[in-house]
Amino acid sequence: MPTIKVLTVTDLHRVRVLYEQLAGAVASHRPEVVVLVGDFLDAGGDHPDQFTTAECAEFLSKLPCEEVVFVRGNHEGDNWWEFYATWKQTRRPLRALDRAVFVHGPLVMVGFPCLMGDETAFVESLSDPDPNAPHHDVDALRWLPKALAPHGAAARTLWLMHEPPAGTPLSRAGSVVAGNPEWVSAIERYSPWLTISGHDHGTPRRTGRWHHKLGRTVCVNAGQTDTGRLHYCVIQAEFATATPSLPQRMTVLMQPTGETVGVTG
């Protein structure tokens, strides 16, 4: 029975100690795939407690896993060009998702855009030979069916979105970190098994709610806790086949709390 382990983390903002803790978490859990779900860079100036953008690329390229996957957050703008150039020098494949699907063995994951900030650099860096690719389309119910169609039900396994779905305990309504109502519409239509988001660091910390069920979908906010201890999720998915498919079972371990959530779809 094939098993895929994915470590997801968001909102590192180039903070040196969080990057270093991420390396420790990867060494400890040994995931096949590490996913950075936005704001791994930072739009502000450099500070002594932060890596530079180039140092972030170098550091992440050395993580001991099979694949490193990136989804854009609102802090990835023009700085992405420097990250992109440095990453290319490492000769490690760049897996950057924008309204796109990435397949690793039987696991299919969907990378959503971030509708905040300037996505131009991130999108223009992608190697997409299709001139009709739905980049810059903000309506999820237009671009999402095109992305899902080639993969069937398997594309409902894991969705990666920097902004959380709106109207849940994972984000505060009426604030600059409010969730995205478009993602709610997409979740209600397709019922993915699991979504991972971040962006709103504070609401889950105040409420003590890091996950929420939206219909049949388990939604998790993996944003940082501002305690100096890395908050991340380890997803373990077990499949009946080695070809892309929905898992037979999936669990999410949230650290550093140690809370485990079962996902059944």
C-alpha atoms as a PDB file:
ATOM      1  CA  MET A   1       0.000   0.000   0.000  1.00  0.00           C
ATOM      2  CA  PRO A   2       1.784   3.215  -1.144  1.00  0.00           C
ATOM      3  CA  THR A   3       2.069   5.913   1.495  1.00  0.00           C
ATOM      4  CA  ILE A   4       2.996   9.526   0.750  1.00  0.00           C
ATOM      5  CA  LYS A   5       4.066  11.961   3.456  1.00  0.00           C
ATOM      6  CA  VAL A   6       3.849  15.710   2.855  1.00  0.00           C
ATOM      7  CA  LEU A   7       5.066  18.450   5.189  1.00  0.00           C
ATOM      8  CA  THR A   8       3.305  21.795   4.711  1.00  0.00           C
ATOM      9  CA  VAL A   9       4.300  25.124   6.192  1.00  0.00           C
ATOM     10  CA  THR A  10       3.295  28.738   5.590  1.00  0.00           C
ATOM     11  CA  ASP A  11       4.267  32.286   6.529  1.00  0.00           C
ATOM     12  CA  LEU A  12       7.965  31.852   7.264  1.00  0.00           C
ATOM     13  CA  HIS A  13       8.629  35.461   6.151  1.00  0.00           C
ATOM     14  CA  ARG A  14      12.351  34.706   5.757  1.00  0.00           C
ATOM     15  CA  VAL A  15      12.721  34.342   9.556  1.00  0.00           C
ATOM     16  CA  ARG A  16      16.001  32.543  10.133  1.00  0.00           C
ATOM     17  CA  VAL A  17      14.961  30.520  13.184  1.00  0.00           C
ATOM     18  CA  LEU A  18      11.791  29.265  11.441  1.00  0.00           C
ATOM     19  CA  TYR A  19      13.767  28.167   8.394  1.00  0.00           C
ATOM     20  CA  GLU A  20      16.201  26.342  10.646  1.00  0.00           C
ATOM     21  CA  GLN A  21      13.348  24.641  12.519  1.00  0.00           C
ATOM     22  CA  LEU A  22      11.855  23.634   9.171  1.00  0.00           C
ATOM     23  CA  ALA A  23      15.074  21.851   8.271  1.00  0.00           C
ATOM     24  CA  GLY A  24      14.898  20.029  11.607  1.00  0.00           C
ATOM     25  CA  ALA A  25      11.264  19.045  11.020  1.00  0.00           C
ATOM     26  CA  VAL A  26      12.076  17.676   7.566  1.00  0.00           C
ATOM     27  CA  ALA A  27      14.987  15.674   8.951  1.00  0.00           C
ATOM     28  CA  SER A  28      12.733  14.311  11.714  1.00  0.00           C
ATOM     29  CA  HIS A  29       9.606  13.424   9.706  1.00  0.00           C
ATOM     30  CA  ARG A  30      11.305  12.543   6.402  1.00  0.00           C
ATOM     31  CA  PRO A  31       8.490  13.612   4.062  1.00  0.00           C
ATOM     32  CA  GLU A  32       8.707  12.912   0.363  1.00  0.00           C
ATOM     33  CA  VAL A  33       7.312  16.387  -0.404  1.00  0.00           C
ATOM     34  CA  VAL A  34       7.644  19.751   1.367  1.00  0.00           C
ATOM     35  CA  VAL A  35       5.140  22.447   0.405  1.00  0.00           C
ATOM     36  CA  LEU A  36       5.642  26.164   1.141  1.00  0.00           C
ATOM     37  CA  VAL A  37       2.089  27.571   1.096  1.00  0.00           C
ATOM     38  CA  GLY A  38       2.934  31.242   0.601  1.00  0.00           C
ATOM     39  CA  ASP A  39       4.795  34.030   2.391  1.00  0.00           C
ATOM     40  CA  PHE A  40       8.041  32.083   2.602  1.00  0.00           C
ATOM     41  CA  LEU A  41       9.552  35.373   1.360  1.00  0.00           C
ATOM     42  CA  ASP A  42       8.898  38.832   2.771  1.00  0.00           C
ATOM     43  CA  ALA A  43       8.051  42.121   1.099  1.00  0.00           C
ATOM     44  CA  GLY A  44       9.780  44.218   3.773  1.00  0.00           C
ATOM     45  CA  GLY A  45      13.430  45.136   4.129  1.00  0.00           C
ATOM     46  CA  ASP A  46      16.135  42.853   5.445  1.00  0.00           C
ATOM     47  CA  HIS A  47      16.482  42.379   9.208  1.00  0.00           C
ATOM     48  CA  PRO A  48      19.207  40.583  11.193  1.00  0.00           C
ATOM     49  CA  ASP A  49      16.785  37.782  12.108  1.00  0.00           C
ATOM     50  CA  GLN A  50      15.919  37.129   8.463  1.00  0.00           C
ATOM     51  CA  PHE A  51      17.626  35.348   5.609  1.00  0.00           C
ATOM     52  CA  THR A  52      17.994  37.297   2.395  1.00  0.00           C
ATOM     53  CA  THR A  53      15.811  36.198  -0.511  1.00  0.00           C
ATOM     54  CA  ALA A  54      18.753  34.443  -2.159  1.00  0.00           C
ATOM     55  CA  GLU A  55      19.662  32.689   1.100  1.00  0.00           C
ATOM     56  CA  CYS A  56      16.068  31.419   1.340  1.00  0.00           C
ATOM     57  CA  ALA A  57      16.347  29.829  -2.088  1.00  0.00           C
ATOM     58  CA  GLU A  58      19.694  28.242  -1.262  1.00  0.00           C
ATOM     59  CA  PHE A  59      18.427  26.933   2.084  1.00  0.00           C
ATOM     60  CA  LEU A  60      15.195  25.435   0.743  1.00  0.00           C
ATOM     61  CA  SER A  61      16.966  23.839  -2.214  1.00  0.00           C
ATOM     62  CA  LYS A  62      19.016  21.765   0.234  1.00  0.00           C
ATOM     63  CA  LEU A  63      16.061  20.259   2.129  1.00  0.00           C
ATOM     64  CA  PRO A  64      16.438  16.454   2.205  1.00  0.00           C
ATOM     65  CA  CYS A  65      13.201  15.493   0.435  1.00  0.00           C
ATOM     66  CA  GLU A  66      12.246  14.384  -3.058  1.00  0.00           C
ATOM     67  CA  GLU A  67      10.311  17.536  -4.000  1.00  0.00           C
ATOM     68  CA  VAL A  68       9.880  21.105  -2.764  1.00  0.00           C
ATOM     69  CA  VAL A  69       6.675  22.782  -3.957  1.00  0.00           C
ATOM     70  CA  PHE A  70       5.794  26.500  -3.802  1.00  0.00           C
ATOM     71  CA  VAL A  71       2.437  28.273  -3.740  1.00  0.00           C
ATOM     72  CA  ARG A  72       2.439  32.074  -3.849  1.00  0.00           C
ATOM     73  CA  GLY A  73       1.395  34.246  -0.918  1.00  0.00           C
ATOM     74  CA  ASN A  74       0.911  38.000  -0.789  1.00  0.00           C
ATOM     75  CA  HIS A  75       4.597  38.516   0.158  1.00  0.00           C
ATOM     76  CA  GLU A  76       5.916  36.955  -3.057  1.00  0.00           C
ATOM     77  CA  GLY A  77       6.107  39.775  -5.610  1.00  0.00           C
ATOM     78  CA  ASP A  78       9.081  41.143  -7.529  1.00  0.00           C
ATOM     79  CA  ASN A  79      11.329  39.448  -4.958  1.00  0.00           C
ATOM     80  CA  TRP A  80      10.372  36.171  -6.642  1.00  0.00           C
ATOM     81  CA  TRP A  81      12.692  36.987  -9.550  1.00  0.00           C
ATOM     82  CA  GLU A  82      15.724  36.914  -7.246  1.00  0.00           C
ATOM     83  CA  PHE A  83      14.486  33.721  -5.596  1.00  0.00           C
ATOM     84  CA  TYR A  84      13.851  32.184  -9.022  1.00  0.00           C
ATOM     85  CA  ALA A  85      17.316  33.090 -10.337  1.00  0.00           C
ATOM     86  CA  THR A  86      19.069  31.664  -7.274  1.00  0.00           C
ATOM     87  CA  TRP A  87      16.967  28.478  -7.311  1.00  0.00           C
ATOM     88  CA  LYS A  88      17.783  27.868 -10.965  1.00  0.00           C
ATOM     89  CA  GLN A  89      21.483  27.902 -10.110  1.00  0.00           C
ATOM     90  CA  THR A  90      20.935  24.982  -7.714  1.00  0.00           C
ATOM     91  CA  ARG A  91      19.705  22.822 -10.637  1.00  0.00           C
ATOM     92  CA  ARG A  92      16.906  21.448  -8.468  1.00  0.00           C
ATOM     93  CA  PRO A  93      13.530  21.351 -10.292  1.00  0.00           C
ATOM     94  CA  LEU A  94      11.351  24.343  -9.450  1.00  0.00           C
ATOM     95  CA  ARG A  95       7.805  23.251  -8.621  1.00  0.00           C
ATOM     96  CA  ALA A  96       5.822  26.495  -8.467  1.00  0.00           C
ATOM     97  CA  LEU A  97       2.044  26.104  -8.668  1.00  0.00           C
ATOM     98  CA  ASP A  98      -0.418  28.729  -9.817  1.00  0.00           C
ATOM     99  CA  ARG A  99      -3.856  27.419 -10.753  1.00  0.00           C
ATOM    100  CA  ALA A 100      -2.052  24.164 -11.448  1.00  0.00           C
ATOM    101  CA  VAL A 101      -1.736  20.547 -10.390  1.00  0.00           C
ATOM    102  CA  PHE A 102       1.333  18.658  -9.190  1.00  0.00           C
ATOM    103  CA  VAL A 103       1.394  14.866  -9.097  1.00  0.00           C
ATOM    104  CA  HIS A 104       3.737  12.846  -6.902  1.00  0.00           C
ATOM    105  CA  GLY A 105       3.103   9.141  -7.251  1.00  0.00           C
ATOM    106  CA  PRO A 106      -0.568   8.547  -6.412  1.00  0.00           C
ATOM    107  CA  LEU A 107      -0.962  11.959  -4.719  1.00  0.00           C
ATOM    108  CA  VAL A 108      -2.497  14.841  -6.673  1.00  0.00           C
ATOM    109  CA  MET A 109      -2.299  18.340  -5.183  1.00  0.00           C
ATOM    110  CA  VAL A 110      -3.756  21.585  -6.519  1.00  0.00           C
ATOM    111  CA  GLY A 111      -1.987  24.937  -6.046  1.00  0.00           C
ATOM    112  CA  PHE A 112      -4.281  27.955  -5.852  1.00  0.00           C
ATOM    113  CA  PRO A 113      -3.265  31.544  -6.648  1.00  0.00           C
ATOM    114  CA  CYS A 114      -3.085  34.258  -4.014  1.00  0.00           C
ATOM    115  CA  LEU A 115      -5.500  37.034  -4.903  1.00  0.00           C
ATOM    116  CA  MET A 116      -3.555  39.622  -2.882  1.00  0.00           C
ATOM    117  CA  GLY A 117      -0.408  41.417  -4.000  1.00  0.00           C
ATOM    118  CA  ASP A 118       1.231  41.297  -7.420  1.00  0.00           C
ATOM    119  CA  GLU A 119       1.450  37.829  -8.947  1.00  0.00           C
ATOM    120  CA  THR A 120       3.144  38.941 -12.188  1.00  0.00           C
ATOM    121  CA  ALA A 121       6.665  37.718 -11.369  1.00  0.00           C
ATOM    122  CA  PHE A 122       5.469  34.364 -10.036  1.00  0.00           C
ATOM    123  CA  VAL A 123       3.209  33.674 -13.010  1.00  0.00           C
ATOM    124  CA  GLU A 124       5.650  34.871 -15.675  1.00  0.00           C
ATOM    125  CA  SER A 125       8.371  32.596 -14.305  1.00  0.00           C
ATOM    126  CA  LEU A 126       6.302  29.495 -14.941  1.00  0.00           C
ATOM    127  CA  SER A 127       7.044  27.329 -17.955  1.00  0.00           C
ATOM    128  CA  ASP A 128       3.575  26.899 -19.379  1.00  0.00           C
ATOM    129  CA  PRO A 129       3.426  26.151 -23.105  1.00  0.00           C
ATOM    130  CA  ASP A 130      -0.358  26.575 -23.258  1.00  0.00           C
ATOM    131  CA  PRO A 131      -1.169  30.112 -24.478  1.00  0.00           C
ATOM    132  CA  ASN A 132      -4.710  29.628 -23.172  1.00  0.00           C
ATOM    133  CA  ALA A 133      -3.574  28.740 -19.647  1.00  0.00           C
ATOM    134  CA  PRO A 134      -5.936  30.370 -17.150  1.00  0.00           C
ATOM    135  CA  HIS A 135      -3.314  32.469 -15.334  1.00  0.00           C
ATOM    136  CA  HIS A 136      -4.653  35.776 -14.014  1.00  0.00           C
ATOM    137  CA  ASP A 137      -8.227  34.405 -14.054  1.00  0.00           C
ATOM    138  CA  VAL A 138      -9.579  35.255 -10.604  1.00  0.00           C
ATOM    139  CA  ASP A 139     -12.759  33.201 -10.951  1.00  0.00           C
ATOM    140  CA  ALA A 140     -11.993  29.778  -9.456  1.00  0.00           C
ATOM    141  CA  LEU A 141     -15.065  28.259 -11.059  1.00  0.00           C
ATOM    142  CA  ARG A 142     -13.552  29.036 -14.489  1.00  0.00           C
ATOM    143  CA  TRP A 143      -9.912  27.971 -14.072  1.00  0.00           C
ATOM    144  CA  LEU A 144     -10.406  25.189 -11.539  1.00  0.00           C
ATOM    145  CA  PRO A 145     -12.449  22.797 -13.745  1.00  0.00           C
ATOM    146  CA  LYS A 146      -9.731  22.991 -16.420  1.00  0.00           C
ATOM    147  CA  ALA A 147      -7.044  22.150 -13.870  1.00  0.00           C
ATOM    148  CA  LEU A 148      -8.997  19.286 -12.293  1.00  0.00           C
ATOM    149  CA  ALA A 149     -10.383  17.618 -15.420  1.00  0.00           C
ATOM    150  CA  PRO A 150      -7.298  15.592 -16.496  1.00  0.00           C
ATOM    151  CA  HIS A 151      -6.973  14.023 -13.030  1.00  0.00           C
ATOM    152  CA  GLY A 152     -10.540  13.053 -12.162  1.00  0.00           C
ATOM    153  CA  ALA A 153     -11.460  12.392  -8.542  1.00  0.00           C
ATOM    154  CA  ALA A 154      -7.782  12.251  -7.517  1.00  0.00           C
ATOM    155  CA  ALA A 155      -7.620  16.060  -7.878  1.00  0.00           C
ATOM    156  CA  ARG A 156      -9.917  16.358  -4.862  1.00  0.00           C
ATOM    157  CA  THR A 157      -7.251  15.046  -2.459  1.00  0.00           C
ATOM    158  CA  LEU A 158      -5.213  18.084  -1.376  1.00  0.00           C
ATOM    159  CA  TRP A 159      -5.726  21.775  -2.164  1.00  0.00           C
ATOM    160  CA  LEU A 160      -3.078  24.354  -1.261  1.00  0.00           C
ATOM    161  CA  MET A 161      -4.212  27.961  -0.843  1.00  0.00           C
ATOM    162  CA  HIS A 162      -2.431  30.773   0.982  1.00  0.00           C
ATOM    163  CA  GLU A 163      -5.648  32.588   1.912  1.00  0.00           C
ATOM    164  CA  PRO A 164      -8.041  30.492   4.017  1.00  0.00           C
ATOM    165  CA  PRO A 165     -11.677  30.046   3.006  1.00  0.00           C
ATOM    166  CA  ALA A 166     -13.820  32.886   4.360  1.00  0.00           C
ATOM    167  CA  GLY A 167     -16.452  32.598   7.046  1.00  0.00           C
ATOM    168  CA  THR A 168     -14.695  29.983   9.194  1.00  0.00           C
ATOM    169  CA  PRO A 169     -12.801  30.161  12.504  1.00  0.00           C
ATOM    170  CA  LEU A 170      -9.585  30.111  10.431  1.00  0.00           C
ATOM    171  CA  SER A 171      -9.809  33.808   9.507  1.00  0.00           C
ATOM    172  CA  ARG A 172     -11.274  37.007  10.928  1.00  0.00           C
ATOM    173  CA  ALA A 173     -14.042  38.624   8.895  1.00  0.00           C
ATOM    174  CA  GLY A 174     -13.607  42.265   7.936  1.00  0.00           C
ATOM    175  CA  SER A 175      -9.849  42.295   8.523  1.00  0.00           C
ATOM    176  CA  VAL A 176      -6.858  42.527   6.182  1.00  0.00           C
ATOM    177  CA  VAL A 177      -6.367  38.796   6.701  1.00  0.00           C
ATOM    178  CA  ALA A 178      -9.963  37.855   5.990  1.00  0.00           C
ATOM    179  CA  GLY A 179     -10.397  34.611   4.097  1.00  0.00           C
ATOM    180  CA  ASN A 180     -11.389  34.254   0.465  1.00  0.00           C
ATOM    181  CA  PRO A 181     -15.084  33.635  -0.343  1.00  0.00           C
ATOM    182  CA  GLU A 182     -14.138  32.290  -3.803  1.00  0.00           C
ATOM    183  CA  TRP A 183     -12.388  29.367  -2.170  1.00  0.00           C
ATOM    184  CA  VAL A 184     -15.562  28.591  -0.228  1.00  0.00           C
ATOM    185  CA  SER A 185     -17.546  28.345  -3.473  1.00  0.00           C
ATOM    186  CA  ALA A 186     -14.942  26.001  -4.940  1.00  0.00           C
ATOM    187  CA  ILE A 187     -14.889  23.820  -1.819  1.00  0.00           C
ATOM    188  CA  GLU A 188     -18.684  23.603  -1.736  1.00  0.00           C
ATOM    189  CA  ARG A 189     -18.761  22.571  -5.396  1.00  0.00           C
ATOM    190  CA  TYR A 190     -15.990  19.960  -5.413  1.00  0.00           C
ATOM    191  CA  SER A 191     -15.684  18.771  -1.779  1.00  0.00           C
ATOM    192  CA  PRO A 192     -11.903  18.271  -1.667  1.00  0.00           C
ATOM    193  CA  TRP A 193     -10.669  16.072   1.153  1.00  0.00           C
ATOM    194  CA  LEU A 194      -8.207  18.574   2.619  1.00  0.00           C
ATOM    195  CA  THR A 195      -7.199  22.214   2.202  1.00  0.00           C
ATOM    196  CA  ILE A 196      -4.080  23.789   3.703  1.00  0.00           C
ATOM    197  CA  SER A 197      -3.838  27.570   4.086  1.00  0.00           C
ATOM    198  CA  GLY A 198      -2.147  30.214   6.213  1.00  0.00           C
ATOM    199  CA  HIS A 199      -2.084  34.023   5.883  1.00  0.00           C
ATOM    200  CA  ASP A 200      -4.083  34.726   9.056  1.00  0.00           C
ATOM    201  CA  HIS A 201      -1.581  34.024  11.833  1.00  0.00           C
ATOM    202  CA  GLY A 202      -3.617  35.498  14.654  1.00  0.00           C
ATOM    203  CA  THR A 203      -7.185  34.197  14.480  1.00  0.00           C
ATOM    204  CA  PRO A 204      -6.407  30.492  15.000  1.00  0.00           C
ATOM    205  CA  ARG A 205      -4.048  31.409  17.834  1.00  0.00           C
ATOM    206  CA  ARG A 206      -6.748  33.463  19.579  1.00  0.00           C
ATOM    207  CA  THR A 207      -9.510  30.915  19.029  1.00  0.00           C
ATOM    208  CA  GLY A 208      -7.449  27.763  19.460  1.00  0.00           C
ATOM    209  CA  ARG A 209      -8.986  26.476  16.205  1.00  0.00           C
ATOM    210  CA  TRP A 210      -6.441  25.399  13.594  1.00  0.00           C
ATOM    211  CA  HIS A 211      -8.859  23.267  11.594  1.00  0.00           C
ATOM    212  CA  HIS A 212     -12.497  23.434  10.565  1.00  0.00           C
ATOM    213  CA  LYS A 213     -14.859  21.221   8.599  1.00  0.00           C
ATOM    214  CA  LEU A 214     -16.579  22.898   5.665  1.00  0.00           C
ATOM    215  CA  GLY A 215     -19.109  20.356   4.499  1.00  0.00           C
ATOM    216  CA  ARG A 216     -17.065  17.176   4.054  1.00  0.00           C
ATOM    217  CA  THR A 217     -13.791  19.099   3.625  1.00  0.00           C
ATOM    218  CA  VAL A 218     -11.231  19.453   6.401  1.00  0.00           C
ATOM    219  CA  CYS A 219      -9.677  22.939   6.220  1.00  0.00           C
ATOM    220  CA  VAL A 220      -6.429  23.565   8.103  1.00  0.00           C
ATOM    221  CA  ASN A 221      -4.652  26.862   8.809  1.00  0.00           C
ATOM    222  CA  ALA A 222      -0.916  26.209   9.118  1.00  0.00           C
ATOM    223  CA  GLY A 223       0.070  29.841   9.769  1.00  0.00           C
ATOM    224  CA  GLN A 224       2.706  30.702  12.326  1.00  0.00           C
ATOM    225  CA  THR A 225       1.940  31.170  16.009  1.00  0.00           C
ATOM    226  CA  ASP A 226       4.369  34.056  16.745  1.00  0.00           C
ATOM    227  CA  THR A 227       5.852  32.027  19.607  1.00  0.00           C
ATOM    228  CA  GLY A 228       9.165  31.346  17.870  1.00  0.00           C
ATOM    229  CA  ARG A 229       8.223  27.669  17.518  1.00  0.00           C
ATOM    230  CA  LEU A 230       7.507  26.492  13.991  1.00  0.00           C
ATOM    231  CA  HIS A 231       3.911  25.597  13.245  1.00  0.00           C
ATOM    232  CA  TYR A 232       3.594  23.052  10.449  1.00  0.00           C
ATOM    233  CA  CYS A 233       1.518  20.076   9.322  1.00  0.00           C
ATOM    234  CA  VAL A 234       2.533  16.574   8.335  1.00  0.00           C
ATOM    235  CA  ILE A 235       0.047  14.865   6.036  1.00  0.00           C
ATOM    236  CA  GLN A 236       0.177  11.110   5.643  1.00  0.00           C
ATOM    237  CA  ALA A 237      -1.898   9.640   2.823  1.00  0.00           C
ATOM    238  CA  GLU A 238      -2.296   5.921   2.166  1.00  0.00           C
ATOM    239  CA  PHE A 239      -3.306   4.714  -1.295  1.00  0.00           C
ATOM    240  CA  ALA A 240      -4.513   1.427  -2.712  1.00  0.00           C
ATOM    241  CA  THR A 241      -2.594   1.964  -5.945  1.00  0.00           C
ATOM    242  CA  ALA A 242       0.585   3.652  -7.163  1.00  0.00           C
ATOM    243  CA  THR A 243      -1.331   5.566  -9.839  1.00  0.00           C
ATOM    244  CA  PRO A 244      -3.080   8.908  -9.129  1.00  0.00           C
ATOM    245  CA  SER A 245      -6.184   8.301  -7.037  1.00  0.00           C
ATOM    246  CA  LEU A 246      -8.015   9.366  -3.916  1.00  0.00           C
ATOM    247  CA  PRO A 247      -6.376   7.980  -0.783  1.00  0.00           C
ATOM    248  CA  GLN A 248      -7.911   5.224   1.289  1.00  0.00           C
ATOM    249  CA  ARG A 249      -7.140   7.233   4.413  1.00  0.00           C
ATOM    250  CA  MET A 250      -5.347  10.422   5.322  1.00  0.00           C
ATOM    251  CA  THR A 251      -4.257  12.012   8.607  1.00  0.00           C
ATOM    252  CA  VAL A 252      -2.891  15.443   9.481  1.00  0.00           C
ATOM    253  CA  LEU A 253      -0.460  15.916  12.365  1.00  0.00           C
ATOM    254  CA  MET A 254      -0.262  19.544  13.511  1.00  0.00           C
ATOM    255  CA  GLN A 255       2.925  20.621  15.242  1.00  0.00           C
ATOM    256  CA  PRO A 256       3.962  21.778  17.777  1.00  0.00           C
ATOM    257  CA  THR A 257       0.560  20.952  19.361  1.00  0.00           C
ATOM    258  CA  GLY A 258       0.698  17.260  18.418  1.00  0.00           C
ATOM    259  CA  GLU A 259      -2.979  17.322  17.453  1.00  0.00           C
ATOM    260  CA  THR A 260      -3.996  14.721  14.871  1.00  0.00           C
ATOM    261  CA  VAL A 261      -6.989  15.037  12.556  1.00  0.00           C
ATOM    262  CA  GLY A 262      -8.361  12.229  10.411  1.00  0.00           C
ATOM    263  CA  VAL A 263      -9.488  13.030   6.877  1.00  0.00           C
ATOM    264  CA  THR A 264     -11.998  10.782   5.128  1.00  0.00           C
ATOM    265  CA  GLY A 265     -13.454  12.909   2.332  1.00  0.00           C
END
